[in-house]
C-alpha atoms as a PDB file:
ATOM      1  CA  UNK A   1      96.044  83.942 194.883  1.00  0.00           C
ATOM      2  CA  UNK A   2      92.507  85.343 195.348  1.00  0.00           C
ATOM      3  CA  UNK A   3      90.801  84.242 198.527  1.00  0.00           C
ATOM      4  CA  UNK A   4      94.053  82.985 200.077  1.00  0.00           C
ATOM      5  CA  UNK A   5      94.303  83.206 203.841  1.00  0.00           C
ATOM      6  CA  UNK A   6      97.294  83.416 206.115  1.00  0.00           C
ATOM      7  CA  UNK A   7      95.847  80.836 208.487  1.00  0.00           C
ATOM      8  CA  UNK A   8      96.353  77.344 207.028  1.00  0.00           C
ATOM      9  CA  UNK A   9      93.261  76.056 208.865  1.00  0.00           C
ATOM     10  CA  UNK A  10      91.084  78.616 207.119  1.00  0.00           C
ATOM     11  CA  UNK A  11      92.623  77.743 203.757  1.00  0.00           C
ATOM     12  CA  UNK A  12      92.002  74.031 204.351  1.00  0.00           C
ATOM     13  CA  UNK A  13      88.422  74.724 205.357  1.00  0.00           C
ATOM     14  CA  UNK A  14      87.839  76.740 202.171  1.00  0.00           C
ATOM     15  CA  UNK A  15      89.160  73.870 200.060  1.00  0.00           C
ATOM     16  CA  UNK A  16      87.225  71.190 201.949  1.00  0.00           C
ATOM     17  CA  UNK A  17      84.070  73.308 201.893  1.00  0.00           C
ATOM     18  CA  UNK A  18      84.240  73.739 198.133  1.00  0.00           C
ATOM     19  CA  UNK A  19      84.691  69.994 197.630  1.00  0.00           C
ATOM     20  CA  UNK A  20      82.038  69.037 200.189  1.00  0.00           C
ATOM     21  CA  UNK A  21      79.437  71.484 198.920  1.00  0.00           C
ATOM     22  CA  UNK A  22      79.784  70.381 195.320  1.00  0.00           C
ATOM     23  CA  UNK A  23      79.650  66.642 195.960  1.00  0.00           C
ATOM     24  CA  UNK A  24      77.280  65.938 198.839  1.00  0.00           C
ATOM     25  CA  UNK A  25      77.184  62.271 197.888  1.00  0.00           C
ATOM     26  CA  UNK A  26      79.388  59.549 199.275  1.00  0.00           C
ATOM     27  CA  UNK A  27      81.212  57.843 196.441  1.00  0.00           C
ATOM     28  CA  UNK A  28      82.756  54.845 198.176  1.00  0.00           C
ATOM     29  CA  UNK A  29      81.023  51.770 199.480  1.00  0.00           C
ATOM     30  CA  UNK A  30      81.458  51.139 203.184  1.00  0.00           C
ATOM     31  CA  UNK A  31      84.157  48.610 203.934  1.00  0.00           C
ATOM     32  CA  UNK A  32      82.347  47.225 206.965  1.00  0.00           C
ATOM     33  CA  UNK A  33      79.232  47.696 209.081  1.00  0.00           C
ATOM     34  CA  UNK A  34      80.771  50.375 211.297  1.00  0.00           C
ATOM     35  CA  UNK A  35      81.851  52.453 208.296  1.00  0.00           C
ATOM     36  CA  UNK A  36      78.360  52.035 206.820  1.00  0.00           C
ATOM     37  CA  UNK A  37      76.756  53.359 209.995  1.00  0.00           C
ATOM     38  CA  UNK A  38      79.168  56.310 210.079  1.00  0.00           C
ATOM     39  CA  UNK A  39      78.426  57.150 206.440  1.00  0.00           C
ATOM     40  CA  UNK A  40      74.691  56.958 207.119  1.00  0.00           C
ATOM     41  CA  UNK A  41      75.061  59.405 210.023  1.00  0.00           C
ATOM     42  CA  UNK A  42      77.098  61.817 207.890  1.00  0.00           C
ATOM     43  CA  UNK A  43      74.588  61.586 205.048  1.00  0.00           C
ATOM     44  CA  UNK A  44      71.775  62.491 207.457  1.00  0.00           C
ATOM     45  CA  UNK A  45      73.432  65.747 208.528  1.00  0.00           C
ATOM     46  CA  UNK A  46      72.226  69.015 207.064  1.00  0.00           C
ATOM     47  CA  UNK A  47      74.756  70.973 204.995  1.00  0.00           C
ATOM     48  CA  UNK A  48      75.271  73.493 207.818  1.00  0.00           C
ATOM     49  CA  UNK A  49      75.843  70.700 210.336  1.00  0.00           C
ATOM     50  CA  UNK A  50      78.367  69.048 208.021  1.00  0.00           C
ATOM     51  CA  UNK A  51      80.206  72.362 207.670  1.00  0.00           C
ATOM     52  CA  UNK A  52      80.245  72.845 211.453  1.00  0.00           C
ATOM     53  CA  UNK A  53      81.599  69.317 211.906  1.00  0.00           C
ATOM     54  CA  UNK A  54      84.265  69.929 209.275  1.00  0.00           C
ATOM     55  CA  UNK A  55      85.279  73.266 210.785  1.00  0.00           C
ATOM     56  CA  UNK A  56      85.424  71.788 214.272  1.00  0.00           C
ATOM     57  CA  UNK A  57      87.508  68.867 213.022  1.00  0.00           C
ATOM     58  CA  UNK A  58      90.172  71.009 211.391  1.00  0.00           C
END
């Protein structure tokens, strides 16, 4: 498989990055006020900040 990595974290990041970079828009409505605030904060992040958050999370 081209681009496959031995480290599962790197592979997950590659998959999540490809999904995140192509969408960029939240598709679900917030279930409550707290989720709405969290989605607003995520939407305000720059693409590089979102990637750093994603990488740090996994």
